[in-house]
Amino acid sequence: MINYQNKPKNKLYCKGYFCSRLTDNGFSITKLNIPYEKDDLRKWSIIVNSKSSDYKYNILITCFKNNNTKEFCFKFQGQRKKEFILKTMSMEIIIKILKKTMSKNVEDEYVK
């Protein structure tokens, strides 16, 4: 018998789950099928944009995973914003960051 209580409720580092949650929250997703090497810490990459806003830039998100650490790198294409690394196991935090980033007049907030 399998004990489902000890299994995690989501697997944030799985590309399918991650993309599904973003799509459900109004984001447009392009999955990149990049054949990373087996010993590379990068597991997958996607490009995210908003379906509903006037946000005109793409955000490249790359998932890094080793045995103990899972983190996401956000790169803002076509902007002056700097990339950043986020260590979290909460999809809600990622969605909140993306929505704030893709709202109007936020572009210059990170330049200061």
N, C-alpha and C. Protein backbone atom coordinates (compact mmCIF):
# COMPACT_ATOMS: atom_id res chain seq x y z
N MET A 1 0.84 -1.19 0.00
CA MET A 1 0.00 0.00 0.00
C MET A 1 0.89 1.25 0.00
N ILE A 2 0.54 2.24 -0.81
CA ILE A 2 1.31 3.47 -0.92
C ILE A 2 0.78 4.49 0.07
N ASN A 3 1.68 5.11 0.82
CA ASN A 3 1.31 6.14 1.77
C ASN A 3 1.42 7.50 1.07
N TYR A 4 0.30 8.08 0.69
CA TYR A 4 0.28 9.35 -0.04
C TYR A 4 0.46 10.56 0.88
N GLN A 5 0.38 10.37 2.18
CA GLN A 5 0.52 11.49 3.10
C GLN A 5 1.94 12.04 3.12
N ASN A 6 2.92 11.19 2.85
CA ASN A 6 4.31 11.64 2.88
C ASN A 6 4.77 12.21 1.54
N LYS A 7 3.96 12.07 0.49
CA LYS A 7 4.33 12.60 -0.81
C LYS A 7 4.03 14.09 -0.86
N PRO A 8 4.87 14.87 -1.55
CA PRO A 8 4.59 16.30 -1.66
C PRO A 8 3.33 16.55 -2.48
N LYS A 9 2.62 17.65 -2.16
CA LYS A 9 1.38 17.96 -2.85
C LYS A 9 1.64 18.45 -4.26
N ASN A 10 2.77 19.08 -4.49
CA ASN A 10 3.12 19.51 -5.83
C ASN A 10 4.61 19.31 -6.04
N LYS A 11 4.98 19.32 -7.28
CA LYS A 11 6.40 19.21 -7.62
C LYS A 11 6.74 20.43 -8.44
N LEU A 12 7.08 21.48 -7.74
CA LEU A 12 7.33 22.77 -8.35
C LEU A 12 8.43 22.70 -9.40
N TYR A 13 9.35 21.79 -9.25
CA TYR A 13 10.46 21.67 -10.17
C TYR A 13 10.10 20.87 -11.43
N CYS A 14 8.88 20.34 -11.51
CA CYS A 14 8.42 19.64 -12.71
C CYS A 14 7.86 20.66 -13.70
N LYS A 15 8.37 20.64 -14.92
CA LYS A 15 7.99 21.63 -15.92
C LYS A 15 6.49 21.61 -16.22
N GLY A 16 5.89 20.45 -16.29
CA GLY A 16 4.47 20.35 -16.59
C GLY A 16 3.60 21.01 -15.52
N TYR A 17 3.89 20.73 -14.26
CA TYR A 17 3.14 21.33 -13.16
C TYR A 17 3.34 22.84 -13.14
N PHE A 18 4.58 23.28 -13.27
CA PHE A 18 4.92 24.70 -13.23
C PHE A 18 4.18 25.45 -14.34
N CYS A 19 4.23 24.94 -15.55
CA CYS A 19 3.57 25.59 -16.69
C CYS A 19 2.06 25.59 -16.54
N SER A 20 1.50 24.50 -16.03
CA SER A 20 0.06 24.41 -15.83
C SER A 20 -0.42 25.48 -14.86
N ARG A 21 0.30 25.64 -13.76
CA ARG A 21 -0.09 26.66 -12.77
C ARG A 21 0.01 28.07 -13.34
N LEU A 22 1.05 28.35 -14.13
CA LEU A 22 1.18 29.67 -14.74
C LEU A 22 0.09 29.93 -15.76
N THR A 23 -0.22 28.94 -16.57
CA THR A 23 -1.30 29.07 -17.56
C THR A 23 -2.64 29.32 -16.88
N ASP A 24 -2.90 28.62 -15.79
CA ASP A 24 -4.14 28.80 -15.03
C ASP A 24 -4.24 30.21 -14.44
N ASN A 25 -3.11 30.88 -14.28
CA ASN A 25 -3.11 32.23 -13.71
C ASN A 25 -2.92 33.32 -14.76
N GLY A 26 -3.18 33.00 -16.02
CA GLY A 26 -3.23 34.02 -17.07
C GLY A 26 -1.92 34.33 -17.76
N PHE A 27 -0.95 33.43 -17.67
CA PHE A 27 0.32 33.66 -18.35
C PHE A 27 0.40 32.83 -19.62
N SER A 28 1.12 33.34 -20.58
CA SER A 28 1.40 32.63 -21.82
C SER A 28 2.77 31.97 -21.67
N ILE A 29 2.86 30.70 -22.04
CA ILE A 29 4.07 29.92 -21.82
C ILE A 29 4.61 29.40 -23.14
N THR A 30 5.91 29.47 -23.30
CA THR A 30 6.61 28.78 -24.39
C THR A 30 7.62 27.85 -23.74
N LYS A 31 7.43 26.55 -23.95
CA LYS A 31 8.36 25.57 -23.38
C LYS A 31 9.56 25.43 -24.32
N LEU A 32 10.73 25.51 -23.74
CA LEU A 32 11.96 25.34 -24.50
C LEU A 32 12.48 23.93 -24.29
N ASN A 33 12.65 23.20 -25.37
CA ASN A 33 13.15 21.83 -25.27
C ASN A 33 14.65 21.83 -25.49
N ILE A 34 15.36 22.23 -24.46
CA ILE A 34 16.81 22.32 -24.51
C ILE A 34 17.39 21.04 -23.91
N PRO A 35 18.20 20.33 -24.66
CA PRO A 35 18.78 19.09 -24.11
C PRO A 35 19.98 19.37 -23.21
N TYR A 36 19.71 19.68 -21.96
CA TYR A 36 20.79 19.93 -21.01
C TYR A 36 21.53 18.63 -20.74
N GLU A 37 22.82 18.76 -20.48
CA GLU A 37 23.63 17.58 -20.18
C GLU A 37 23.18 16.95 -18.86
N LYS A 38 23.49 15.70 -18.68
CA LYS A 38 23.04 14.97 -17.50
C LYS A 38 23.61 15.56 -16.20
N ASP A 39 24.86 16.04 -16.23
CA ASP A 39 25.47 16.59 -15.03
C ASP A 39 25.23 18.09 -14.86
N ASP A 40 24.47 18.68 -15.77
CA ASP A 40 24.12 20.11 -15.68
C ASP A 40 23.03 20.29 -14.63
N LEU A 41 23.14 21.32 -13.80
CA LEU A 41 22.13 21.57 -12.77
C LEU A 41 20.84 22.14 -13.35
N ARG A 42 20.89 22.68 -14.56
CA ARG A 42 19.67 23.18 -15.19
C ARG A 42 18.82 22.00 -15.64
N LYS A 43 17.53 22.06 -15.30
CA LYS A 43 16.63 20.97 -15.66
C LYS A 43 15.71 21.34 -16.82
N TRP A 44 15.20 22.56 -16.81
CA TRP A 44 14.33 23.00 -17.90
C TRP A 44 14.27 24.52 -17.92
N SER A 45 13.81 25.05 -19.06
CA SER A 45 13.65 26.50 -19.22
C SER A 45 12.35 26.77 -19.96
N ILE A 46 11.71 27.89 -19.61
CA ILE A 46 10.50 28.32 -20.30
C ILE A 46 10.56 29.83 -20.48
N ILE A 47 9.75 30.32 -21.41
CA ILE A 47 9.58 31.76 -21.60
C ILE A 47 8.16 32.10 -21.19
N VAL A 48 8.01 33.14 -20.37
CA VAL A 48 6.71 33.53 -19.82
C VAL A 48 6.37 34.94 -20.26
N ASN A 49 5.10 35.16 -20.60
CA ASN A 49 4.57 36.48 -20.86
C ASN A 49 3.13 36.50 -20.40
N SER A 50 2.58 37.68 -20.25
CA SER A 50 1.20 37.81 -19.78
C SER A 50 0.25 37.84 -20.96
N LYS A 51 -0.86 37.14 -20.85
CA LYS A 51 -1.88 37.15 -21.90
C LYS A 51 -2.72 38.42 -21.87
N SER A 52 -2.86 39.02 -20.68
CA SER A 52 -3.86 40.08 -20.53
C SER A 52 -3.31 41.49 -20.39
N SER A 53 -2.02 41.67 -20.19
CA SER A 53 -1.52 43.03 -19.95
C SER A 53 -0.80 43.56 -21.18
N ASP A 54 -0.38 44.80 -21.10
CA ASP A 54 0.37 45.42 -22.17
C ASP A 54 1.87 45.17 -22.01
N TYR A 55 2.22 44.26 -21.14
CA TYR A 55 3.62 43.95 -20.90
C TYR A 55 4.23 43.36 -22.16
N LYS A 56 5.28 43.97 -22.66
CA LYS A 56 5.80 43.59 -23.97
C LYS A 56 7.08 42.78 -23.93
N TYR A 57 7.55 42.44 -22.75
CA TYR A 57 8.81 41.71 -22.64
C TYR A 57 8.57 40.27 -22.20
N ASN A 58 9.54 39.43 -22.49
CA ASN A 58 9.50 38.04 -22.06
C ASN A 58 10.37 37.87 -20.83
N ILE A 59 10.01 36.88 -20.04
CA ILE A 59 10.84 36.50 -18.89
C ILE A 59 11.25 35.05 -19.10
N LEU A 60 12.54 34.81 -19.10
CA LEU A 60 13.08 33.46 -19.22
C LEU A 60 13.26 32.91 -17.82
N ILE A 61 12.62 31.77 -17.54
CA ILE A 61 12.75 31.12 -16.24
C ILE A 61 13.45 29.78 -16.44
N THR A 62 14.51 29.56 -15.69
CA THR A 62 15.24 28.30 -15.74
C THR A 62 15.21 27.67 -14.36
N CYS A 63 14.89 26.39 -14.33
CA CYS A 63 14.86 25.63 -13.08
C CYS A 63 16.21 24.94 -12.89
N PHE A 64 16.79 25.15 -11.71
CA PHE A 64 18.02 24.47 -11.31
C PHE A 64 17.68 23.51 -10.18
N LYS A 65 18.21 22.30 -10.25
CA LYS A 65 17.89 21.33 -9.20
C LYS A 65 19.06 20.38 -8.99
N ASN A 66 19.47 20.28 -7.73
CA ASN A 66 20.35 19.19 -7.35
C ASN A 66 19.64 18.44 -6.24
N ASN A 67 20.31 17.60 -5.52
CA ASN A 67 19.62 16.77 -4.53
C ASN A 67 18.93 17.55 -3.42
N ASN A 68 19.52 18.65 -2.98
CA ASN A 68 18.98 19.36 -1.83
C ASN A 68 18.37 20.73 -2.16
N THR A 69 18.77 21.33 -3.25
CA THR A 69 18.36 22.70 -3.55
C THR A 69 17.61 22.76 -4.86
N LYS A 70 16.54 23.54 -4.84
CA LYS A 70 15.78 23.83 -6.05
C LYS A 70 15.67 25.34 -6.14
N GLU A 71 16.03 25.89 -7.28
CA GLU A 71 15.96 27.33 -7.43
C GLU A 71 15.62 27.68 -8.87
N PHE A 72 15.12 28.90 -9.03
CA PHE A 72 14.69 29.38 -10.33
C PHE A 72 15.42 30.67 -10.66
N CYS A 73 15.93 30.76 -11.87
CA CYS A 73 16.60 31.96 -12.34
C CYS A 73 15.63 32.70 -13.26
N PHE A 74 15.41 33.99 -12.99
CA PHE A 74 14.54 34.83 -13.79
C PHE A 74 15.42 35.80 -14.59
N LYS A 75 15.31 35.78 -15.92
CA LYS A 75 16.04 36.72 -16.77
C LYS A 75 15.01 37.53 -17.55
N PHE A 76 15.14 38.83 -17.48
CA PHE A 76 14.20 39.74 -18.12
C PHE A 76 14.75 40.14 -19.48
N GLN A 77 14.16 39.63 -20.54
CA GLN A 77 14.66 39.88 -21.88
C GLN A 77 14.19 41.24 -22.39
N GLY A 78 15.12 42.01 -22.93
CA GLY A 78 14.80 43.30 -23.50
C GLY A 78 14.60 44.40 -22.48
N GLN A 79 15.04 44.21 -21.27
CA GLN A 79 14.86 45.20 -20.21
C GLN A 79 16.17 45.48 -19.52
N ARG A 80 16.16 46.50 -18.70
CA ARG A 80 17.34 46.85 -17.91
C ARG A 80 17.33 46.16 -16.56
N LYS A 81 16.29 45.43 -16.27
CA LYS A 81 16.24 44.72 -14.99
C LYS A 81 17.31 43.65 -14.94
N LYS A 82 17.84 43.43 -13.75
CA LYS A 82 18.84 42.40 -13.58
C LYS A 82 18.16 41.07 -13.31
N GLU A 83 18.84 40.00 -13.70
CA GLU A 83 18.31 38.68 -13.40
C GLU A 83 18.45 38.41 -11.91
N PHE A 84 17.64 37.49 -11.42
CA PHE A 84 17.76 37.11 -10.01
C PHE A 84 17.45 35.64 -9.84
N ILE A 85 17.94 35.09 -8.74
CA ILE A 85 17.71 33.69 -8.38
C ILE A 85 16.71 33.66 -7.24
N LEU A 86 15.72 32.78 -7.36
CA LEU A 86 14.70 32.64 -6.33
C LEU A 86 14.72 31.21 -5.82
N LYS A 87 14.88 31.06 -4.51
CA LYS A 87 14.79 29.74 -3.87
C LYS A 87 13.48 29.70 -3.12
N THR A 88 12.55 28.91 -3.63
CA THR A 88 11.24 28.78 -2.99
C THR A 88 10.61 27.46 -3.39
N MET A 89 9.69 26.99 -2.59
CA MET A 89 8.87 25.84 -2.93
C MET A 89 7.40 26.26 -3.00
N SER A 90 7.15 27.57 -3.15
CA SER A 90 5.80 28.09 -3.20
C SER A 90 5.49 28.67 -4.58
N MET A 91 4.55 28.07 -5.26
CA MET A 91 4.13 28.58 -6.56
C MET A 91 3.46 29.93 -6.42
N GLU A 92 2.79 30.17 -5.29
CA GLU A 92 2.11 31.45 -5.08
C GLU A 92 3.11 32.61 -5.07
N ILE A 93 4.28 32.40 -4.52
CA ILE A 93 5.31 33.44 -4.50
C ILE A 93 5.77 33.74 -5.92
N ILE A 94 5.98 32.72 -6.72
CA ILE A 94 6.40 32.91 -8.11
C ILE A 94 5.34 33.66 -8.90
N ILE A 95 4.08 33.29 -8.73
CA ILE A 95 2.98 33.95 -9.44
C ILE A 95 2.89 35.42 -9.01
N LYS A 96 3.02 35.68 -7.71
CA LYS A 96 2.96 37.05 -7.21
C LYS A 96 4.08 37.90 -7.81
N ILE A 97 5.29 37.36 -7.88
CA ILE A 97 6.42 38.09 -8.47
C ILE A 97 6.17 38.37 -9.95
N LEU A 98 5.68 37.38 -10.68
CA LEU A 98 5.43 37.57 -12.10
C LEU A 98 4.33 38.60 -12.35
N LYS A 99 3.26 38.53 -11.57
CA LYS A 99 2.17 39.50 -11.75
C LYS A 99 2.64 40.91 -11.44
N LYS A 100 3.43 41.07 -10.39
CA LYS A 100 3.93 42.40 -10.05
C LYS A 100 4.88 42.90 -11.14
N THR A 101 5.74 42.03 -11.62
CA THR A 101 6.69 42.40 -12.66
C THR A 101 5.99 42.79 -13.95
N MET A 102 4.90 42.10 -14.27
CA MET A 102 4.22 42.33 -15.54
C MET A 102 3.13 43.39 -15.46
N SER A 103 2.97 44.00 -14.30
CA SER A 103 1.99 45.09 -14.22
C SER A 103 2.58 46.34 -14.84
N LYS A 104 1.75 47.28 -15.21
CA LYS A 104 2.21 48.51 -15.87
C LYS A 104 3.07 49.33 -14.94
N ASN A 105 4.00 50.07 -15.54
CA ASN A 105 4.85 51.04 -14.85
C ASN A 105 5.76 50.42 -13.79
N VAL A 106 6.04 49.14 -13.89
CA VAL A 106 6.94 48.51 -12.92
C VAL A 106 8.36 48.47 -13.47
N GLU A 107 8.51 48.65 -14.76
CA GLU A 107 9.81 48.49 -15.41
C GLU A 107 10.89 49.33 -14.75
N ASP A 108 10.62 50.56 -14.41
CA ASP A 108 11.64 51.43 -13.84
C ASP A 108 11.87 51.23 -12.36
N GLU A 109 10.99 50.46 -11.70
CA GLU A 109 11.13 50.22 -10.26
C GLU A 109 12.43 49.51 -9.94
N TYR A 110 12.86 48.58 -10.81
CA TYR A 110 14.04 47.79 -10.53
C TYR A 110 15.33 48.47 -11.01
N VAL A 111 15.21 49.52 -11.76
CA VAL A 111 16.37 50.21 -12.32
C VAL A 111 17.07 51.04 -11.25
N LYS A 112 16.31 51.55 -10.28
CA LYS A 112 16.85 52.45 -9.26
C LYS A 112 17.93 51.82 -8.43
